[in-house]
Amino acid sequence: MSEASTAWLLLGLAAMVAGFAKTAIGGLGTVAVALVAAVMPAKESSAALLLLLLVGDLMAVAAYRRDGDWSLLRHLVPGVVPGLVAGTLVLAVADDRSVRVGMSVIILVLVALQLGLHLRRPRPGSTWPWQARSAAGLAAGTTTMVANAAGPVMTLYLTAQGVDKRRFLGTSAWFFAGVNLCKLPFSVGLGLIDAHMVWRTLALAPMVGLGGLLGFALVRRIGQRSFETVVLAASALSGIALLIPH
């Protein structure tokens, strides 16, 4: 198989995983991060995946638009905006290798946090103080701008609030749709998105749709805790893979 064919295969798989993560288990999005970063420079990969995620956001919002909890989202906004700015500054000054290593560290740290949450669930209905909510927003804004890796942050935040599955999916859908739209002008301003990337996204959009449909079909049939274990393992492997030179 040629190098170009391999690249398209990995991009197609990443697009499908991105769609699945949007409609099922958000933590799986870190695998898509690693797949795209394996075939293009880290900074460019972040922007390329952003366009694919926006396609998935359309599906997620269409499916779960009535299930979002706006009170939970409002608490994150004060931290998200500074986080986006901080992430933009990182992308502007860091070289590609540093961004790749940073993406790996972000993924592995957040996987560790998710694993801790998976093993020891917080008391349902617990409420974080405003400082913790602002910190969650800051972390989500920074990690999503640099590495499209805010899924684990949102998992920590929403699970700590004791939300049910539909409320979890609806709140995540609206959050990422809004944040990813906000990220778009930052990525354009950094020169990371061009016409070629837009056409490539359109070509890969059907794979995002396929992944989204698979997510709709499977999310109600697989035990959440069991599947999270698989996702955590895959996310950890993807974070390690980013450290391997290629």
C-alpha atoms as a PDB file:
ATOM      1  CA  MET A   1       0.000   0.000   0.000  1.00  0.00           C
ATOM      2  CA  SER A   2       1.373   3.413  -0.953  1.00  0.00           C
ATOM      3  CA  GLU A   3       2.066   6.131   1.592  1.00  0.00           C
ATOM      4  CA  ALA A   4      -0.797   8.241   0.194  1.00  0.00           C
ATOM      5  CA  SER A   5      -3.223   5.315   0.451  1.00  0.00           C
ATOM      6  CA  THR A   6      -2.156   4.646   4.023  1.00  0.00           C
ATOM      7  CA  ALA A   7      -2.670   8.302   4.893  1.00  0.00           C
ATOM      8  CA  TRP A   8      -6.191   8.307   3.455  1.00  0.00           C
ATOM      9  CA  LEU A   9      -6.988   5.046   5.265  1.00  0.00           C
ATOM     10  CA  LEU A  10      -5.910   6.521   8.609  1.00  0.00           C
ATOM     11  CA  LEU A  11      -7.759   9.769   7.925  1.00  0.00           C
ATOM     12  CA  GLY A  12     -10.910   7.847   7.033  1.00  0.00           C
ATOM     13  CA  LEU A  13     -10.630   5.811  10.220  1.00  0.00           C
ATOM     14  CA  ALA A  14     -10.046   8.996  12.218  1.00  0.00           C
ATOM     15  CA  ALA A  15     -13.135  10.571  10.648  1.00  0.00           C
ATOM     16  CA  MET A  16     -15.251   7.546  11.565  1.00  0.00           C
ATOM     17  CA  VAL A  17     -13.891   7.505  15.121  1.00  0.00           C
ATOM     18  CA  ALA A  18     -14.581  11.249  15.432  1.00  0.00           C
ATOM     19  CA  GLY A  19     -18.196  10.734  14.377  1.00  0.00           C
ATOM     20  CA  PHE A  20     -18.605   7.808  16.759  1.00  0.00           C
ATOM     21  CA  ALA A  21     -17.147   9.821  19.637  1.00  0.00           C
ATOM     22  CA  LYS A  22     -19.618  12.633  18.999  1.00  0.00           C
ATOM     23  CA  THR A  23     -22.691  10.421  19.275  1.00  0.00           C
ATOM     24  CA  ALA A  24     -21.480   7.823  21.776  1.00  0.00           C
ATOM     25  CA  ILE A  25     -18.354   8.029  23.943  1.00  0.00           C
ATOM     26  CA  GLY A  26     -16.515  11.332  23.780  1.00  0.00           C
ATOM     27  CA  GLY A  27     -13.306   9.978  25.287  1.00  0.00           C
ATOM     28  CA  LEU A  28     -12.706   8.018  22.092  1.00  0.00           C
ATOM     29  CA  GLY A  29     -11.938  11.304  20.356  1.00  0.00           C
ATOM     30  CA  THR A  30      -8.348  11.104  21.597  1.00  0.00           C
ATOM     31  CA  VAL A  31      -7.824   8.124  19.291  1.00  0.00           C
ATOM     32  CA  ALA A  32      -8.862  10.296  16.334  1.00  0.00           C
ATOM     33  CA  VAL A  33      -6.346  12.915  17.512  1.00  0.00           C
ATOM     34  CA  ALA A  34      -3.516  10.381  17.332  1.00  0.00           C
ATOM     35  CA  LEU A  35      -4.614   8.950  13.974  1.00  0.00           C
ATOM     36  CA  VAL A  36      -4.651  12.341  12.256  1.00  0.00           C
ATOM     37  CA  ALA A  37      -1.381  13.393  13.907  1.00  0.00           C
ATOM     38  CA  ALA A  38       0.233  10.217  12.555  1.00  0.00           C
ATOM     39  CA  VAL A  39      -0.139  11.362   8.926  1.00  0.00           C
ATOM     40  CA  MET A  40       0.420  15.132   9.102  1.00  0.00           C
ATOM     41  CA  PRO A  41       2.252  17.725  11.209  1.00  0.00           C
ATOM     42  CA  ALA A  42       0.791  18.142  14.692  1.00  0.00           C
ATOM     43  CA  LYS A  43      -0.406  21.739  14.238  1.00  0.00           C
ATOM     44  CA  GLU A  44      -2.003  20.990  10.872  1.00  0.00           C
ATOM     45  CA  SER A  45      -3.555  17.825  12.273  1.00  0.00           C
ATOM     46  CA  SER A  46      -5.286  19.817  15.001  1.00  0.00           C
ATOM     47  CA  ALA A  47      -6.957  22.053  12.422  1.00  0.00           C
ATOM     48  CA  ALA A  48      -7.803  19.161  10.092  1.00  0.00           C
ATOM     49  CA  LEU A  49      -9.474  17.238  12.893  1.00  0.00           C
ATOM     50  CA  LEU A  50     -11.361  20.378  13.949  1.00  0.00           C
ATOM     51  CA  LEU A  51     -13.152  20.460  10.599  1.00  0.00           C
ATOM     52  CA  LEU A  52     -14.095  16.789  10.922  1.00  0.00           C
ATOM     53  CA  LEU A  53     -15.336  17.363  14.470  1.00  0.00           C
ATOM     54  CA  LEU A  54     -17.575  20.191  13.281  1.00  0.00           C
ATOM     55  CA  VAL A  55     -19.280  17.725  10.937  1.00  0.00           C
ATOM     56  CA  GLY A  56     -19.801  15.398  13.901  1.00  0.00           C
ATOM     57  CA  ASP A  57     -21.103  18.289  16.001  1.00  0.00           C
ATOM     58  CA  LEU A  58     -23.930  18.810  13.501  1.00  0.00           C
ATOM     59  CA  MET A  59     -25.025  15.200  13.953  1.00  0.00           C
ATOM     60  CA  ALA A  60     -24.721  15.283  17.744  1.00  0.00           C
ATOM     61  CA  VAL A  61     -26.690  18.509  18.149  1.00  0.00           C
ATOM     62  CA  ALA A  62     -29.382  17.267  15.773  1.00  0.00           C
ATOM     63  CA  ALA A  63     -29.773  14.095  17.831  1.00  0.00           C
ATOM     64  CA  TYR A  64     -29.401  15.431  21.379  1.00  0.00           C
ATOM     65  CA  ARG A  65     -30.427  19.102  21.078  1.00  0.00           C
ATOM     66  CA  ARG A  66     -33.222  18.746  23.651  1.00  0.00           C
ATOM     67  CA  ASP A  67     -31.031  17.055  26.263  1.00  0.00           C
ATOM     68  CA  GLY A  68     -28.451  19.774  27.007  1.00  0.00           C
ATOM     69  CA  ASP A  69     -28.177  21.234  30.517  1.00  0.00           C
ATOM     70  CA  TRP A  70     -27.535  24.944  30.028  1.00  0.00           C
ATOM     71  CA  SER A  71     -26.930  25.584  33.721  1.00  0.00           C
ATOM     72  CA  LEU A  72     -23.888  23.305  33.595  1.00  0.00           C
ATOM     73  CA  LEU A  73     -22.626  24.947  30.410  1.00  0.00           C
ATOM     74  CA  ARG A  74     -22.885  28.484  31.805  1.00  0.00           C
ATOM     75  CA  HIS A  75     -20.467  27.629  34.597  1.00  0.00           C
ATOM     76  CA  LEU A  76     -17.777  26.649  32.085  1.00  0.00           C
ATOM     77  CA  VAL A  77     -17.868  29.746  29.862  1.00  0.00           C
ATOM     78  CA  PRO A  78     -15.737  32.079  32.074  1.00  0.00           C
ATOM     79  CA  GLY A  79     -12.832  29.647  31.839  1.00  0.00           C
ATOM     80  CA  VAL A  80     -13.238  28.425  28.259  1.00  0.00           C
ATOM     81  CA  VAL A  81     -12.559  31.749  26.514  1.00  0.00           C
ATOM     82  CA  PRO A  82      -9.193  32.386  28.265  1.00  0.00           C
ATOM     83  CA  GLY A  83      -8.358  28.737  27.606  1.00  0.00           C
ATOM     84  CA  LEU A  84      -8.894  29.180  23.860  1.00  0.00           C
ATOM     85  CA  VAL A  85      -6.623  32.225  23.876  1.00  0.00           C
ATOM     86  CA  ALA A  86      -3.947  30.341  25.830  1.00  0.00           C
ATOM     87  CA  GLY A  87      -4.142  27.411  23.425  1.00  0.00           C
ATOM     88  CA  THR A  88      -3.828  29.750  20.432  1.00  0.00           C
ATOM     89  CA  LEU A  89      -0.678  31.298  21.902  1.00  0.00           C
ATOM     90  CA  VAL A  90       0.815  27.839  22.397  1.00  0.00           C
ATOM     91  CA  LEU A  91       0.149  26.936  18.758  1.00  0.00           C
ATOM     92  CA  ALA A  92       1.609  30.249  17.596  1.00  0.00           C
ATOM     93  CA  VAL A  93       4.960  29.947  19.404  1.00  0.00           C
ATOM     94  CA  ALA A  94       5.619  26.207  19.770  1.00  0.00           C
ATOM     95  CA  ASP A  95       7.308  24.077  17.125  1.00  0.00           C
ATOM     96  CA  ASP A  96       5.674  20.958  15.719  1.00  0.00           C
ATOM     97  CA  ARG A  97       7.615  18.488  17.885  1.00  0.00           C
ATOM     98  CA  SER A  98       6.731  20.396  21.042  1.00  0.00           C
ATOM     99  CA  VAL A  99       3.063  20.424  20.072  1.00  0.00           C
ATOM    100  CA  ARG A 100       3.167  16.660  19.406  1.00  0.00           C
ATOM    101  CA  VAL A 101       4.750  15.955  22.798  1.00  0.00           C
ATOM    102  CA  GLY A 102       2.317  18.348  24.452  1.00  0.00           C
ATOM    103  CA  MET A 103      -0.614  16.577  22.817  1.00  0.00           C
ATOM    104  CA  SER A 104       0.691  13.264  24.140  1.00  0.00           C
ATOM    105  CA  VAL A 105       1.131  14.590  27.676  1.00  0.00           C
ATOM    106  CA  ILE A 106      -2.349  16.154  27.619  1.00  0.00           C
ATOM    107  CA  ILE A 107      -3.927  12.883  26.510  1.00  0.00           C
ATOM    108  CA  LEU A 108      -2.064  10.722  29.024  1.00  0.00           C
ATOM    109  CA  VAL A 109      -2.749  13.042  31.973  1.00  0.00           C
ATOM    110  CA  LEU A 110      -6.435  13.251  31.116  1.00  0.00           C
ATOM    111  CA  VAL A 111      -6.643   9.494  30.623  1.00  0.00           C
ATOM    112  CA  ALA A 112      -5.165   9.055  34.098  1.00  0.00           C
ATOM    113  CA  LEU A 113      -7.778  11.424  35.507  1.00  0.00           C
ATOM    114  CA  GLN A 114     -10.538   9.579  33.675  1.00  0.00           C
ATOM    115  CA  LEU A 115      -9.238   6.248  34.959  1.00  0.00           C
ATOM    116  CA  GLY A 116      -9.350   7.537  38.521  1.00  0.00           C
ATOM    117  CA  LEU A 117     -12.903   8.698  37.965  1.00  0.00           C
ATOM    118  CA  HIS A 118     -13.810   5.382  36.351  1.00  0.00           C
ATOM    119  CA  LEU A 119     -12.526   3.401  39.340  1.00  0.00           C
ATOM    120  CA  ARG A 120     -13.991   5.666  41.981  1.00  0.00           C
ATOM    121  CA  ARG A 121     -17.179   7.430  41.022  1.00  0.00           C
ATOM    122  CA  PRO A 122     -17.945  10.696  42.849  1.00  0.00           C
ATOM    123  CA  ARG A 123     -21.149  10.998  44.792  1.00  0.00           C
ATOM    124  CA  PRO A 124     -23.951  11.585  42.231  1.00  0.00           C
ATOM    125  CA  GLY A 125     -25.304  15.097  42.268  1.00  0.00           C
ATOM    126  CA  SER A 126     -22.190  16.618  43.847  1.00  0.00           C
ATOM    127  CA  THR A 127     -21.530  20.222  42.896  1.00  0.00           C
ATOM    128  CA  TRP A 128     -18.129  21.687  42.204  1.00  0.00           C
ATOM    129  CA  PRO A 129     -17.257  25.126  43.649  1.00  0.00           C
ATOM    130  CA  TRP A 130     -17.011  27.951  41.115  1.00  0.00           C
ATOM    131  CA  GLN A 131     -13.211  27.831  41.212  1.00  0.00           C
ATOM    132  CA  ALA A 132     -13.224  24.176  40.125  1.00  0.00           C
ATOM    133  CA  ARG A 133     -15.800  24.864  37.397  1.00  0.00           C
ATOM    134  CA  SER A 134     -13.715  27.766  36.070  1.00  0.00           C
ATOM    135  CA  ALA A 135     -10.603  25.577  36.129  1.00  0.00           C
ATOM    136  CA  ALA A 136     -12.490  22.896  34.184  1.00  0.00           C
ATOM    137  CA  GLY A 137     -13.484  25.507  31.605  1.00  0.00           C
ATOM    138  CA  LEU A 138      -9.892  26.763  31.325  1.00  0.00           C
ATOM    139  CA  ALA A 139      -8.575  23.217  30.902  1.00  0.00           C
ATOM    140  CA  ALA A 140     -11.251  22.393  28.328  1.00  0.00           C
ATOM    141  CA  GLY A 141     -10.539  25.541  26.308  1.00  0.00           C
ATOM    142  CA  THR A 142      -6.765  25.045  26.287  1.00  0.00           C
ATOM    143  CA  THR A 143      -6.759  21.303  25.570  1.00  0.00           C
ATOM    144  CA  THR A 144      -9.352  21.565  22.814  1.00  0.00           C
ATOM    145  CA  MET A 145      -7.478  24.394  21.078  1.00  0.00           C
ATOM    146  CA  VAL A 146      -4.093  22.661  21.205  1.00  0.00           C
ATOM    147  CA  ALA A 147      -5.069  19.021  20.751  1.00  0.00           C
ATOM    148  CA  ASN A 148      -8.857  18.665  20.334  1.00  0.00           C
ATOM    149  CA  ALA A 149      -8.616  16.684  23.576  1.00  0.00           C
ATOM    150  CA  ALA A 150     -11.209  18.268  25.849  1.00  0.00           C
ATOM    151  CA  GLY A 151     -13.408  15.160  25.876  1.00  0.00           C
ATOM    152  CA  PRO A 152     -11.832  13.737  29.052  1.00  0.00           C
ATOM    153  CA  VAL A 153     -12.177  17.126  30.781  1.00  0.00           C
ATOM    154  CA  MET A 154     -15.889  17.223  29.981  1.00  0.00           C
ATOM    155  CA  THR A 155     -16.255  13.610  31.098  1.00  0.00           C
ATOM    156  CA  LEU A 156     -14.747  14.480  34.473  1.00  0.00           C
ATOM    157  CA  TYR A 157     -16.919  17.563  34.846  1.00  0.00           C
ATOM    158  CA  LEU A 158     -20.240  16.053  33.772  1.00  0.00           C
ATOM    159  CA  THR A 159     -19.816  12.720  35.536  1.00  0.00           C
ATOM    160  CA  ALA A 160     -19.018  14.550  38.757  1.00  0.00           C
ATOM    161  CA  GLN A 161     -22.405  16.259  38.465  1.00  0.00           C
ATOM    162  CA  GLY A 162     -24.160  12.870  38.314  1.00  0.00           C
ATOM    163  CA  VAL A 163     -25.835  13.486  34.939  1.00  0.00           C
ATOM    164  CA  ASP A 164     -27.624  10.661  33.133  1.00  0.00           C
ATOM    165  CA  LYS A 165     -26.529   9.442  29.702  1.00  0.00           C
ATOM    166  CA  ARG A 166     -28.885  11.558  27.577  1.00  0.00           C
ATOM    167  CA  ARG A 167     -28.140  14.693  29.580  1.00  0.00           C
ATOM    168  CA  PHE A 168     -24.432  13.930  29.321  1.00  0.00           C
ATOM    169  CA  LEU A 169     -24.592  13.529  25.544  1.00  0.00           C
ATOM    170  CA  GLY A 170     -26.787  16.590  25.030  1.00  0.00           C
ATOM    171  CA  THR A 171     -24.666  18.869  27.184  1.00  0.00           C
ATOM    172  CA  SER A 172     -21.472  17.657  25.504  1.00  0.00           C
ATOM    173  CA  ALA A 173     -23.002  18.115  22.050  1.00  0.00           C
ATOM    174  CA  TRP A 174     -23.908  21.762  22.627  1.00  0.00           C
ATOM    175  CA  PHE A 175     -20.625  22.521  24.417  1.00  0.00           C
ATOM    176  CA  PHE A 176     -18.375  21.186  21.668  1.00  0.00           C
ATOM    177  CA  ALA A 177     -20.483  22.632  18.862  1.00  0.00           C
ATOM    178  CA  GLY A 178     -20.108  26.097  20.383  1.00  0.00           C
ATOM    179  CA  VAL A 179     -16.447  25.739  21.312  1.00  0.00           C
ATOM    180  CA  ASN A 180     -15.408  24.275  17.967  1.00  0.00           C
ATOM    181  CA  LEU A 181     -17.128  27.109  16.102  1.00  0.00           C
ATOM    182  CA  CYS A 182     -15.239  29.572  18.313  1.00  0.00           C
ATOM    183  CA  LYS A 183     -11.962  27.777  17.521  1.00  0.00           C
ATOM    184  CA  LEU A 184     -12.462  28.076  13.771  1.00  0.00           C
ATOM    185  CA  PRO A 185     -11.417  31.748  13.373  1.00  0.00           C
ATOM    186  CA  PHE A 186      -8.393  31.148  15.636  1.00  0.00           C
ATOM    187  CA  SER A 187      -7.237  28.286  13.392  1.00  0.00           C
ATOM    188  CA  VAL A 188      -7.844  30.342  10.246  1.00  0.00           C
ATOM    189  CA  GLY A 189      -5.940  33.261  11.758  1.00  0.00           C
ATOM    190  CA  LEU A 190      -2.964  30.978  12.446  1.00  0.00           C
ATOM    191  CA  GLY A 191      -2.965  29.920   8.787  1.00  0.00           C
ATOM    192  CA  LEU A 192      -3.735  26.290   9.631  1.00  0.00           C
ATOM    193  CA  ILE A 193      -6.832  25.945   7.405  1.00  0.00           C
ATOM    194  CA  ASP A 194      -6.800  26.308   3.629  1.00  0.00           C
ATOM    195  CA  ALA A 195      -9.036  25.360   0.696  1.00  0.00           C
ATOM    196  CA  HIS A 196      -7.338  21.974   0.247  1.00  0.00           C
ATOM    197  CA  MET A 197      -8.135  21.045   3.833  1.00  0.00           C
ATOM    198  CA  VAL A 198     -11.779  22.044   3.379  1.00  0.00           C
ATOM    199  CA  TRP A 199     -12.109  19.837   0.287  1.00  0.00           C
ATOM    200  CA  ARG A 200     -10.468  16.953   2.118  1.00  0.00           C
ATOM    201  CA  THR A 201     -12.970  17.371   4.960  1.00  0.00           C
ATOM    202  CA  LEU A 202     -15.871  17.232   2.499  1.00  0.00           C
ATOM    203  CA  ALA A 203     -14.432  14.005   1.068  1.00  0.00           C
ATOM    204  CA  LEU A 204     -14.174  12.489   4.550  1.00  0.00           C
ATOM    205  CA  ALA A 205     -17.571  13.744   5.798  1.00  0.00           C
ATOM    206  CA  PRO A 206     -19.384  10.488   4.856  1.00  0.00           C
ATOM    207  CA  MET A 207     -17.004   8.590   7.161  1.00  0.00           C
ATOM    208  CA  VAL A 208     -17.883  10.968  10.010  1.00  0.00           C
ATOM    209  CA  GLY A 209     -21.534  10.276   9.273  1.00  0.00           C
ATOM    210  CA  LEU A 210     -20.965   6.521   9.297  1.00  0.00           C
ATOM    211  CA  GLY A 211     -19.207   6.737  12.651  1.00  0.00           C
ATOM    212  CA  GLY A 212     -22.031   8.853  14.027  1.00  0.00           C
ATOM    213  CA  LEU A 213     -24.638   6.318  12.930  1.00  0.00           C
ATOM    214  CA  LEU A 214     -22.659   3.512  14.549  1.00  0.00           C
ATOM    215  CA  GLY A 215     -22.561   5.555  17.735  1.00  0.00           C
ATOM    216  CA  PHE A 216     -26.337   6.000  17.713  1.00  0.00           C
ATOM    217  CA  ALA A 217     -26.791   2.257  17.239  1.00  0.00           C
ATOM    218  CA  LEU A 218     -24.340   1.103  19.894  1.00  0.00           C
ATOM    219  CA  VAL A 219     -24.585   3.645  22.711  1.00  0.00           C
ATOM    220  CA  ARG A 220     -27.688   2.016  24.189  1.00  0.00           C
ATOM    221  CA  ARG A 221     -26.465  -1.555  23.766  1.00  0.00           C
ATOM    222  CA  ILE A 222     -23.060  -1.492  25.430  1.00  0.00           C
ATOM    223  CA  GLY A 223     -22.520  -1.104  29.158  1.00  0.00           C
ATOM    224  CA  GLN A 224     -21.089   2.329  29.818  1.00  0.00           C
ATOM    225  CA  ARG A 225     -18.486   1.301  32.402  1.00  0.00           C
ATOM    226  CA  SER A 226     -17.197  -1.617  30.325  1.00  0.00           C
ATOM    227  CA  PHE A 227     -16.878   0.485  27.212  1.00  0.00           C
ATOM    228  CA  GLU A 228     -15.139   3.313  29.068  1.00  0.00           C
ATOM    229  CA  THR A 229     -12.444   0.845  30.092  1.00  0.00           C
ATOM    230  CA  VAL A 230     -11.739   0.018  26.436  1.00  0.00           C
ATOM    231  CA  VAL A 231     -11.752   3.700  25.502  1.00  0.00           C
ATOM    232  CA  LEU A 232      -9.296   4.563  28.265  1.00  0.00           C
ATOM    233  CA  ALA A 233      -6.900   1.851  27.085  1.00  0.00           C
ATOM    234  CA  ALA A 234      -7.155   3.025  23.467  1.00  0.00           C
ATOM    235  CA  SER A 235      -6.648   6.641  24.503  1.00  0.00           C
ATOM    236  CA  ALA A 236      -3.557   5.776  26.515  1.00  0.00           C
ATOM    237  CA  LEU A 237      -2.078   3.882  23.562  1.00  0.00           C
ATOM    238  CA  SER A 238      -2.807   6.811  21.246  1.00  0.00           C
ATOM    239  CA  GLY A 239      -1.043   9.196  23.626  1.00  0.00           C
ATOM    240  CA  ILE A 240       2.021   6.952  23.720  1.00  0.00           C
ATOM    241  CA  ALA A 241       1.974   6.605  19.926  1.00  0.00           C
ATOM    242  CA  LEU A 242       2.353  10.367  19.523  1.00  0.00           C
ATOM    243  CA  LEU A 243       5.762  10.149  21.207  1.00  0.00           C
ATOM    244  CA  ILE A 244       7.099   7.729  18.581  1.00  0.00           C
ATOM    245  CA  PRO A 245       8.997   9.572  15.833  1.00  0.00           C
ATOM    246  CA  HIS A 246       7.804   8.961  12.272  1.00  0.00           C
END
